[in-house]
Amino acid sequence: MKKMTVVAMMAVGIAASCMAAEFKGFVEDEMCSGKADMKGNASCAKTCIKGGSPAVFVTEDGKVYKIANQAKIVAHAGENVTVVADLKDDTLTITSVK
């Protein structure tokens, strides 16, 4: 019985770690996301993402996340958005964008 309880608790813990969460931030291009003078530059983000630089998500506190499913976010280049996403390591898999 104790083994089953432990296994069940582990399964719940693993499932909880994969649950989606909300993230607020700015959709920027990977190339410029590390440049302080480009922070929040919507025009640059739109141009660079359109030109092929991958979109990244920069949170309000400056954390930069890669985006696994680019198609979900590129239309929001240069915008402040809230995303619902699963986080694994430093990569978001986006479920929805508000």
PDB file of N, CA and C in Angstrom:
ATOM      1  N   MET A   1       0.829  -1.195   0.000  1.00  0.00           N
ATOM      2  CA  MET A   1       0.000   0.000   0.000  1.00  0.00           C
ATOM      3  C   MET A   1       0.873   1.259   0.000  1.00  0.00           C
ATOM      4  N   LYS A   2       1.955   1.246   0.796  1.00  0.00           N
ATOM      5  CA  LYS A   2       2.829   2.412   0.845  1.00  0.00           C
ATOM      6  C   LYS A   2       3.490   2.659  -0.506  1.00  0.00           C
ATOM      7  N   LYS A   3       3.863   1.567  -1.201  1.00  0.00           N
ATOM      8  CA  LYS A   3       4.488   1.722  -2.522  1.00  0.00           C
ATOM      9  C   LYS A   3       3.526   2.394  -3.494  1.00  0.00           C
ATOM     10  N   MET A   4       2.272   1.992  -3.462  1.00  0.00           N
ATOM     11  CA  MET A   4       1.287   2.580  -4.367  1.00  0.00           C
ATOM     12  C   MET A   4       1.090   4.057  -4.062  1.00  0.00           C
ATOM     13  N   THR A   5       1.104   4.419  -2.788  1.00  0.00           N
ATOM     14  CA  THR A   5       0.946   5.821  -2.404  1.00  0.00           C
ATOM     15  C   THR A   5       2.120   6.644  -2.917  1.00  0.00           C
ATOM     16  N   VAL A   6       3.316   6.116  -2.760  1.00  0.00           N
ATOM     17  CA  VAL A   6       4.509   6.811  -3.237  1.00  0.00           C
ATOM     18  C   VAL A   6       4.472   6.968  -4.752  1.00  0.00           C
ATOM     19  N   VAL A   7       4.123   5.919  -5.462  1.00  0.00           N
ATOM     20  CA  VAL A   7       4.037   5.980  -6.921  1.00  0.00           C
ATOM     21  C   VAL A   7       2.978   6.994  -7.351  1.00  0.00           C
ATOM     22  N   ALA A   8       1.835   6.995  -6.687  1.00  0.00           N
ATOM     23  CA  ALA A   8       0.767   7.942  -7.023  1.00  0.00           C
ATOM     24  C   ALA A   8       1.218   9.380  -6.778  1.00  0.00           C
ATOM     25  N   MET A   9       1.920   9.618  -5.689  1.00  0.00           N
ATOM     26  CA  MET A   9       2.413  10.960  -5.381  1.00  0.00           C
ATOM     27  C   MET A   9       3.440  11.417  -6.415  1.00  0.00           C
ATOM     28  N   MET A  10       4.285  10.518  -6.845  1.00  0.00           N
ATOM     29  CA  MET A  10       5.276  10.852  -7.867  1.00  0.00           C
ATOM     30  C   MET A  10       4.589  11.203  -9.183  1.00  0.00           C
ATOM     31  N   ALA A  11       3.569  10.438  -9.542  1.00  0.00           N
ATOM     32  CA  ALA A  11       2.841  10.693 -10.781  1.00  0.00           C
ATOM     33  C   ALA A  11       2.157  12.060 -10.741  1.00  0.00           C
ATOM     34  N   VAL A  12       1.573  12.399  -9.611  1.00  0.00           N
ATOM     35  CA  VAL A  12       0.923  13.701  -9.457  1.00  0.00           C
ATOM     36  C   VAL A  12       1.972  14.809  -9.560  1.00  0.00           C
ATOM     37  N   GLY A  13       3.119  14.620  -8.959  1.00  0.00           N
ATOM     38  CA  GLY A  13       4.192  15.615  -9.021  1.00  0.00           C
ATOM     39  C   GLY A  13       4.694  15.824 -10.427  1.00  0.00           C
ATOM     40  N   ILE A  14       4.863  14.755 -11.168  1.00  0.00           N
ATOM     41  CA  ILE A  14       5.323  14.855 -12.562  1.00  0.00           C
ATOM     42  C   ILE A  14       4.266  15.551 -13.405  1.00  0.00           C
ATOM     43  N   ALA A  15       3.020  15.195 -13.232  1.00  0.00           N
ATOM     44  CA  ALA A  15       1.932  15.817 -14.000  1.00  0.00           C
ATOM     45  C   ALA A  15       1.841  17.303 -13.681  1.00  0.00           C
ATOM     46  N   ALA A  16       1.993  17.670 -12.431  1.00  0.00           N
ATOM     47  CA  ALA A  16       1.925  19.075 -12.035  1.00  0.00           C
ATOM     48  C   ALA A  16       3.051  19.885 -12.647  1.00  0.00           C
ATOM     49  N   SER A  17       4.219  19.292 -12.800  1.00  0.00           N
ATOM     50  CA  SER A  17       5.346  20.023 -13.363  1.00  0.00           C
ATOM     51  C   SER A  17       5.171  20.271 -14.853  1.00  0.00           C
ATOM     52  N   CYS A  18       4.281  19.570 -15.497  1.00  0.00           N
ATOM     53  CA  CYS A  18       4.040  19.736 -16.931  1.00  0.00           C
ATOM     54  C   CYS A  18       2.806  20.575 -17.221  1.00  0.00           C
ATOM     55  N   MET A  19       2.160  21.091 -16.191  1.00  0.00           N
ATOM     56  CA  MET A  19       0.948  21.868 -16.389  1.00  0.00           C
ATOM     57  C   MET A  19       1.283  23.241 -16.955  1.00  0.00           C
ATOM     58  N   ALA A  20       0.369  23.782 -17.712  1.00  0.00           N
ATOM     59  CA  ALA A  20       0.562  25.090 -18.317  1.00  0.00           C
ATOM     60  C   ALA A  20       0.489  26.190 -17.259  1.00  0.00           C
ATOM     61  N   ALA A  21       1.199  27.266 -17.525  1.00  0.00           N
ATOM     62  CA  ALA A  21       1.197  28.433 -16.652  1.00  0.00           C
ATOM     63  C   ALA A  21       1.091  29.681 -17.511  1.00  0.00           C
ATOM     64  N   GLU A  22       0.732  30.797 -16.888  1.00  0.00           N
ATOM     65  CA  GLU A  22       0.669  32.070 -17.604  1.00  0.00           C
ATOM     66  C   GLU A  22       1.985  32.815 -17.454  1.00  0.00           C
ATOM     67  N   PHE A  23       2.406  33.421 -18.553  1.00  0.00           N
ATOM     68  CA  PHE A  23       3.611  34.235 -18.583  1.00  0.00           C
ATOM     69  C   PHE A  23       3.264  35.556 -19.243  1.00  0.00           C
ATOM     70  N   LYS A  24       3.711  36.677 -18.663  1.00  0.00           N
ATOM     71  CA  LYS A  24       3.487  37.995 -19.245  1.00  0.00           C
ATOM     72  C   LYS A  24       4.816  38.527 -19.741  1.00  0.00           C
ATOM     73  N   GLY A  25       4.789  39.110 -20.948  1.00  0.00           N
ATOM     74  CA  GLY A  25       6.018  39.668 -21.469  1.00  0.00           C
ATOM     75  C   GLY A  25       5.888  40.176 -22.885  1.00  0.00           C
ATOM     76  N   PHE A  26       7.037  40.311 -23.542  1.00  0.00           N
ATOM     77  CA  PHE A  26       7.169  40.930 -24.862  1.00  0.00           C
ATOM     78  C   PHE A  26       7.693  39.911 -25.859  1.00  0.00           C
ATOM     79  N   VAL A  27       7.113  39.902 -27.047  1.00  0.00           N
ATOM     80  CA  VAL A  27       7.565  38.992 -28.103  1.00  0.00           C
ATOM     81  C   VAL A  27       8.644  39.719 -28.897  1.00  0.00           C
ATOM     82  N   GLU A  28       9.857  39.222 -28.802  1.00  0.00           N
ATOM     83  CA  GLU A  28      11.014  39.857 -29.425  1.00  0.00           C
ATOM     84  C   GLU A  28      11.735  38.845 -30.297  1.00  0.00           C
ATOM     85  N   ASP A  29      12.658  39.334 -31.101  1.00  0.00           N
ATOM     86  CA  ASP A  29      13.459  38.412 -31.899  1.00  0.00           C
ATOM     87  C   ASP A  29      14.686  37.995 -31.106  1.00  0.00           C
ATOM     88  N   GLU A  30      15.138  36.772 -31.364  1.00  0.00           N
ATOM     89  CA  GLU A  30      16.260  36.207 -30.615  1.00  0.00           C
ATOM     90  C   GLU A  30      17.526  37.044 -30.751  1.00  0.00           C
ATOM     91  N   MET A  31      17.781  37.555 -31.928  1.00  0.00           N
ATOM     92  CA  MET A  31      19.005  38.290 -32.201  1.00  0.00           C
ATOM     93  C   MET A  31      19.117  39.551 -31.331  1.00  0.00           C
ATOM     94  N   CYS A  32      18.024  40.256 -31.133  1.00  0.00           N
ATOM     95  CA  CYS A  32      18.062  41.521 -30.404  1.00  0.00           C
ATOM     96  C   CYS A  32      17.651  41.408 -28.935  1.00  0.00           C
ATOM     97  N   SER A  33      17.201  40.249 -28.515  1.00  0.00           N
ATOM     98  CA  SER A  33      16.669  40.113 -27.153  1.00  0.00           C
ATOM     99  C   SER A  33      17.706  40.377 -26.069  1.00  0.00           C
ATOM    100  N   GLY A  34      18.969  40.211 -26.388  1.00  0.00           N
ATOM    101  CA  GLY A  34      20.021  40.444 -25.399  1.00  0.00           C
ATOM    102  C   GLY A  34      20.595  41.844 -25.426  1.00  0.00           C
ATOM    103  N   LYS A  35      20.100  42.686 -26.302  1.00  0.00           N
ATOM    104  CA  LYS A  35      20.613  44.051 -26.433  1.00  0.00           C
ATOM    105  C   LYS A  35      19.697  45.011 -25.678  1.00  0.00           C
ATOM    106  N   ALA A  36      20.232  45.645 -24.657  1.00  0.00           N
ATOM    107  CA  ALA A  36      19.429  46.526 -23.804  1.00  0.00           C
ATOM    108  C   ALA A  36      18.761  47.658 -24.593  1.00  0.00           C
ATOM    109  N   ASP A  37      19.451  48.221 -25.578  1.00  0.00           N
ATOM    110  CA  ASP A  37      18.883  49.338 -26.333  1.00  0.00           C
ATOM    111  C   ASP A  37      17.769  48.910 -27.283  1.00  0.00           C
ATOM    112  N   MET A  38      17.593  47.615 -27.480  1.00  0.00           N
ATOM    113  CA  MET A  38      16.527  47.120 -28.355  1.00  0.00           C
ATOM    114  C   MET A  38      15.302  46.656 -27.565  1.00  0.00           C
ATOM    115  N   LYS A  39      15.384  46.700 -26.242  1.00  0.00           N
ATOM    116  CA  LYS A  39      14.286  46.232 -25.394  1.00  0.00           C
ATOM    117  C   LYS A  39      12.996  46.992 -25.714  1.00  0.00           C
ATOM    118  N   GLY A  40      11.964  46.254 -26.039  1.00  0.00           N
ATOM    119  CA  GLY A  40      10.657  46.829 -26.310  1.00  0.00           C
ATOM    120  C   GLY A  40      10.519  47.495 -27.666  1.00  0.00           C
ATOM    121  N   ASN A  41      11.502  47.305 -28.545  1.00  0.00           N
ATOM    122  CA  ASN A  41      11.456  47.930 -29.864  1.00  0.00           C
ATOM    123  C   ASN A  41      10.577  47.076 -30.789  1.00  0.00           C
ATOM    124  N   ALA A  42       9.312  47.457 -30.900  1.00  0.00           N
ATOM    125  CA  ALA A  42       8.337  46.669 -31.663  1.00  0.00           C
ATOM    126  C   ALA A  42       8.688  46.611 -33.142  1.00  0.00           C
ATOM    127  N   SER A  43       9.126  47.712 -33.703  1.00  0.00           N
ATOM    128  CA  SER A  43       9.461  47.759 -35.122  1.00  0.00           C
ATOM    129  C   SER A  43      10.590  46.788 -35.457  1.00  0.00           C
ATOM    130  N   CYS A  44      11.621  46.806 -34.642  1.00  0.00           N
ATOM    131  CA  CYS A  44      12.758  45.903 -34.848  1.00  0.00           C
ATOM    132  C   CYS A  44      12.321  44.446 -34.709  1.00  0.00           C
ATOM    133  N   ALA A  45      11.541  44.160 -33.666  1.00  0.00           N
ATOM    134  CA  ALA A  45      11.088  42.782 -33.439  1.00  0.00           C
ATOM    135  C   ALA A  45      10.309  42.261 -34.640  1.00  0.00           C
ATOM    136  N   LYS A  46       9.394  43.067 -35.152  1.00  0.00           N
ATOM    137  CA  LYS A  46       8.591  42.652 -36.307  1.00  0.00           C
ATOM    138  C   LYS A  46       9.467  42.419 -37.532  1.00  0.00           C
ATOM    139  N   THR A  47      10.382  43.345 -37.787  1.00  0.00           N
ATOM    140  CA  THR A  47      11.256  43.242 -38.952  1.00  0.00           C
ATOM    141  C   THR A  47      12.165  42.029 -38.867  1.00  0.00           C
ATOM    142  N   CYS A  48      12.795  41.832 -37.716  1.00  0.00           N
ATOM    143  CA  CYS A  48      13.753  40.730 -37.576  1.00  0.00           C
ATOM    144  C   CYS A  48      13.081  39.361 -37.588  1.00  0.00           C
ATOM    145  N   ILE A  49      11.910  39.251 -36.967  1.00  0.00           N
ATOM    146  CA  ILE A  49      11.185  37.973 -36.977  1.00  0.00           C
ATOM    147  C   ILE A  49      10.714  37.663 -38.393  1.00  0.00           C
ATOM    148  N   LYS A  50      10.222  38.689 -39.082  1.00  0.00           N
ATOM    149  CA  LYS A  50       9.802  38.501 -40.469  1.00  0.00           C
ATOM    150  C   LYS A  50      10.997  38.089 -41.325  1.00  0.00           C
ATOM    151  N   GLY A  51      12.195  38.580 -40.971  1.00  0.00           N
ATOM    152  CA  GLY A  51      13.416  38.273 -41.708  1.00  0.00           C
ATOM    153  C   GLY A  51      14.040  36.924 -41.366  1.00  0.00           C
ATOM    154  N   GLY A  52      13.448  36.211 -40.400  1.00  0.00           N
ATOM    155  CA  GLY A  52      13.920  34.866 -40.107  1.00  0.00           C
ATOM    156  C   GLY A  52      14.532  34.645 -38.741  1.00  0.00           C
ATOM    157  N   SER A  53      14.745  35.702 -37.957  1.00  0.00           N
ATOM    158  CA  SER A  53      15.260  35.514 -36.601  1.00  0.00           C
ATOM    159  C   SER A  53      14.138  34.900 -35.761  1.00  0.00           C
ATOM    160  N   PRO A  54      14.416  33.848 -35.016  1.00  0.00           N
ATOM    161  CA  PRO A  54      13.352  33.210 -34.226  1.00  0.00           C
ATOM    162  C   PRO A  54      12.774  34.164 -33.182  1.00  0.00           C
ATOM    163  N   ALA A  55      11.482  34.036 -32.939  1.00  0.00           N
ATOM    164  CA  ALA A  55      10.834  34.803 -31.884  1.00  0.00           C
ATOM    165  C   ALA A  55      11.198  34.194 -30.539  1.00  0.00           C
ATOM    166  N   VAL A  56      11.366  35.054 -29.548  1.00  0.00           N
ATOM    167  CA  VAL A  56      11.575  34.626 -28.168  1.00  0.00           C
ATOM    168  C   VAL A  56      10.595  35.404 -27.299  1.00  0.00           C
ATOM    169  N   PHE A  57      10.432  34.947 -26.080  1.00  0.00           N
ATOM    170  CA  PHE A  57       9.521  35.595 -25.143  1.00  0.00           C
ATOM    171  C   PHE A  57      10.349  36.175 -24.009  1.00  0.00           C
ATOM    172  N   VAL A  58      10.250  37.491 -23.805  1.00  0.00           N
ATOM    173  CA  VAL A  58      11.002  38.172 -22.759  1.00  0.00           C
ATOM    174  C   VAL A  58      10.016  38.578 -21.668  1.00  0.00           C
ATOM    175  N   THR A  59      10.176  38.005 -20.483  1.00  0.00           N
ATOM    176  CA  THR A  59       9.256  38.293 -19.386  1.00  0.00           C
ATOM    177  C   THR A  59       9.492  39.694 -18.839  1.00  0.00           C
ATOM    178  N   GLU A  60       8.562  40.136 -18.015  1.00  0.00           N
ATOM    179  CA  GLU A  60       8.653  41.472 -17.429  1.00  0.00           C
ATOM    180  C   GLU A  60       9.921  41.652 -16.602  1.00  0.00           C
ATOM    181  N   ASP A  61      10.447  40.559 -16.047  1.00  0.00           N
ATOM    182  CA  ASP A  61      11.680  40.664 -15.257  1.00  0.00           C
ATOM    183  C   ASP A  61      12.946  40.389 -16.081  1.00  0.00           C
ATOM    184  N   GLY A  62      12.785  40.273 -17.411  1.00  0.00           N
ATOM    185  CA  GLY A  62      13.938  40.152 -18.296  1.00  0.00           C
ATOM    186  C   GLY A  62      14.390  38.747 -18.644  1.00  0.00           C
ATOM    187  N   LYS A  63      13.701  37.719 -18.167  1.00  0.00           N
ATOM    188  CA  LYS A  63      14.049  36.339 -18.497  1.00  0.00           C
ATOM    189  C   LYS A  63      13.647  36.065 -19.942  1.00  0.00           C
ATOM    190  N   VAL A  64      14.568  35.481 -20.711  1.00  0.00           N
ATOM    191  CA  VAL A  64      14.308  35.190 -22.122  1.00  0.00           C
ATOM    192  C   VAL A  64      14.046  33.695 -22.292  1.00  0.00           C
ATOM    193  N   TYR A  65      12.914  33.358 -22.913  1.00  0.00           N
ATOM    194  CA  TYR A  65      12.544  31.972 -23.180  1.00  0.00           C
ATOM    195  C   TYR A  65      12.490  31.728 -24.684  1.00  0.00           C
ATOM    196  N   LYS A  66      12.994  30.594 -25.110  1.00  0.00           N
ATOM    197  CA  LYS A  66      12.827  30.157 -26.493  1.00  0.00           C
ATOM    198  C   LYS A  66      11.377  29.713 -26.654  1.00  0.00           C
ATOM    199  N   ILE A  67      10.915  29.621 -27.906  1.00  0.00           N
ATOM    200  CA  ILE A  67       9.543  29.208 -28.170  1.00  0.00           C
ATOM    201  C   ILE A  67       9.563  28.004 -29.097  1.00  0.00           C
ATOM    202  N   ALA A  68       9.011  26.902 -28.623  1.00  0.00           N
ATOM    203  CA  ALA A  68       9.036  25.650 -29.385  1.00  0.00           C
ATOM    204  C   ALA A  68       8.146  25.720 -30.622  1.00  0.00           C
ATOM    205  N   ASN A  69       6.990  26.316 -30.485  1.00  0.00           N
ATOM    206  CA  ASN A  69       6.023  26.353 -31.585  1.00  0.00           C
ATOM    207  C   ASN A  69       5.866  27.792 -32.088  1.00  0.00           C
ATOM    208  N   GLN A  70       6.804  28.198 -32.930  1.00  0.00           N
ATOM    209  CA  GLN A  70       6.889  29.565 -33.447  1.00  0.00           C
ATOM    210  C   GLN A  70       5.596  30.055 -34.096  1.00  0.00           C
ATOM    211  N   ALA A  71       4.885  29.189 -34.776  1.00  0.00           N
ATOM    212  CA  ALA A  71       3.669  29.596 -35.492  1.00  0.00           C
ATOM    213  C   ALA A  71       2.626  30.211 -34.558  1.00  0.00           C
ATOM    214  N   LYS A  72       2.638  29.835 -33.295  1.00  0.00           N
ATOM    215  CA  LYS A  72       1.657  30.350 -32.334  1.00  0.00           C
ATOM    216  C   LYS A  72       1.939  31.796 -31.940  1.00  0.00           C
ATOM    217  N   ILE A  73       3.164  32.299 -32.171  1.00  0.00           N
ATOM    218  CA  ILE A  73       3.542  33.584 -31.600  1.00  0.00           C
ATOM    219  C   ILE A  73       3.962  34.644 -32.621  1.00  0.00           C
ATOM    220  N   VAL A  74       4.391  34.258 -33.808  1.00  0.00           N
ATOM    221  CA  VAL A  74       4.964  35.239 -34.741  1.00  0.00           C
ATOM    222  C   VAL A  74       3.998  36.369 -35.111  1.00  0.00           C
ATOM    223  N   ALA A  75       2.715  36.130 -35.107  1.00  0.00           N
ATOM    224  CA  ALA A  75       1.744  37.187 -35.411  1.00  0.00           C
ATOM    225  C   ALA A  75       1.725  38.265 -34.328  1.00  0.00           C
ATOM    226  N   HIS A  76       2.314  37.982 -33.180  1.00  0.00           N
ATOM    227  CA  HIS A  76       2.329  38.916 -32.058  1.00  0.00           C
ATOM    228  C   HIS A  76       3.703  39.563 -31.858  1.00  0.00           C
ATOM    229  N   ALA A  77       4.532  39.514 -32.883  1.00  0.00           N
ATOM    230  CA  ALA A  77       5.869  40.114 -32.805  1.00  0.00           C
ATOM    231  C   ALA A  77       5.758  41.580 -32.422  1.00  0.00           C
ATOM    232  N   GLY A  78       6.571  41.986 -31.466  1.00  0.00           N
ATOM    233  CA  GLY A  78       6.588  43.374 -31.037  1.00  0.00           C
ATOM    234  C   GLY A  78       5.454  43.765 -30.113  1.00  0.00           C
ATOM    235  N   GLU A  79       4.760  42.790 -29.569  1.00  0.00           N
ATOM    236  CA  GLU A  79       3.621  43.077 -28.692  1.00  0.00           C
ATOM    237  C   GLU A  79       3.880  42.571 -27.278  1.00  0.00           C
ATOM    238  N   ASN A  80       3.264  43.257 -26.308  1.00  0.00           N
ATOM    239  CA  ASN A  80       3.205  42.763 -24.942  1.00  0.00           C
ATOM    240  C   ASN A  80       1.995  41.844 -24.874  1.00  0.00           C
ATOM    241  N   VAL A  81       2.217  40.617 -24.430  1.00  0.00           N
ATOM    242  CA  VAL A  81       1.151  39.625 -24.406  1.00  0.00           C
ATOM    243  C   VAL A  81       1.229  38.794 -23.123  1.00  0.00           C
ATOM    244  N   THR A  82       0.176  38.048 -22.897  1.00  0.00           N
ATOM    245  CA  THR A  82       0.150  37.017 -21.869  1.00  0.00           C
ATOM    246  C   THR A  82      -0.026  35.700 -22.598  1.00  0.00           C
ATOM    247  N   VAL A  83       0.862  34.755 -22.325  1.00  0.00           N
ATOM    248  CA  VAL A  83       0.748  33.448 -22.961  1.00  0.00           C
ATOM    249  C   VAL A  83       0.465  32.388 -21.911  1.00  0.00           C
ATOM    250  N   VAL A  84      -0.261  31.388 -22.311  1.00  0.00           N
ATOM    251  CA  VAL A  84      -0.424  30.183 -21.515  1.00  0.00           C
ATOM    252  C   VAL A  84       0.473  29.161 -22.189  1.00  0.00           C
ATOM    253  N   ALA A  85       1.402  28.599 -21.423  1.00  0.00           N
ATOM    254  CA  ALA A  85       2.405  27.729 -22.036  1.00  0.00           C
ATOM    255  C   ALA A  85       2.931  26.718 -21.037  1.00  0.00           C
ATOM    256  N   ASP A  86       3.471  25.647 -21.594  1.00  0.00           N
ATOM    257  CA  ASP A  86       4.200  24.663 -20.805  1.00  0.00           C
ATOM    258  C   ASP A  86       5.666  25.056 -20.870  1.00  0.00           C
ATOM    259  N   LEU A  87       6.352  24.983 -19.741  1.00  0.00           N
ATOM    260  CA  LEU A  87       7.766  25.338 -19.675  1.00  0.00           C
ATOM    261  C   LEU A  87       8.594  24.092 -19.432  1.00  0.00           C
ATOM    262  N   LYS A  88       9.587  23.889 -20.276  1.00  0.00           N
ATOM    263  CA  LYS A  88      10.543  22.810 -20.080  1.00  0.00           C
ATOM    264  C   LYS A  88      11.924  23.401 -20.328  1.00  0.00           C
ATOM    265  N   ASP A  89      12.763  23.353 -19.308  1.00  0.00           N
ATOM    266  CA  ASP A  89      14.077  23.978 -19.333  1.00  0.00           C
ATOM    267  C   ASP A  89      13.887  25.472 -19.614  1.00  0.00           C
ATOM    268  N   ASP A  90      14.380  25.977 -20.728  1.00  0.00           N
ATOM    269  CA  ASP A  90      14.220  27.397 -21.049  1.00  0.00           C
ATOM    270  C   ASP A  90      13.357  27.600 -22.294  1.00  0.00           C
ATOM    271  N   THR A  91      12.451  26.641 -22.552  1.00  0.00           N
ATOM    272  CA  THR A  91      11.631  26.684 -23.754  1.00  0.00           C
ATOM    273  C   THR A  91      10.140  26.601 -23.414  1.00  0.00           C
ATOM    274  N   LEU A  92       9.370  27.525 -23.997  1.00  0.00           N
ATOM    275  CA  LEU A  92       7.927  27.525 -23.819  1.00  0.00           C
ATOM    276  C   LEU A  92       7.268  26.838 -25.013  1.00  0.00           C
ATOM    277  N   THR A  93       6.276  26.016 -24.731  1.00  0.00           N
ATOM    278  CA  THR A  93       5.391  25.480 -25.764  1.00  0.00           C
ATOM    279  C   THR A  93       4.050  26.153 -25.507  1.00  0.00           C
ATOM    280  N   ILE A  94       3.684  27.053 -26.397  1.00  0.00           N
ATOM    281  CA  ILE A  94       2.542  27.935 -26.176  1.00  0.00           C
ATOM    282  C   ILE A  94       1.227  27.245 -26.529  1.00  0.00           C
ATOM    283  N   THR A  95       0.267  27.412 -25.623  1.00  0.00           N
ATOM    284  CA  THR A  95      -1.085  26.911 -25.816  1.00  0.00           C
ATOM    285  C   THR A  95      -1.983  28.025 -26.367  1.00  0.00           C
ATOM    286  N   SER A  96      -1.870  29.223 -25.771  1.00  0.00           N
ATOM    287  CA  SER A  96      -2.687  30.346 -26.230  1.00  0.00           C
ATOM    288  C   SER A  96      -1.977  31.659 -25.957  1.00  0.00           C
ATOM    289  N   VAL A  97      -2.405  32.689 -26.702  1.00  0.00           N
ATOM    290  CA  VAL A  97      -1.833  34.032 -26.568  1.00  0.00           C
ATOM    291  C   VAL A  97      -2.977  35.021 -26.362  1.00  0.00           C
ATOM    292  N   LYS A  98      -2.837  35.884 -25.361  1.00  0.00           N
ATOM    293  CA  LYS A  98      -3.846  36.935 -25.106  1.00  0.00           C
ATOM    294  C   LYS A  98      -3.168  38.282 -25.254  1.00  0.00           C
TER     295      LYS A  98
END
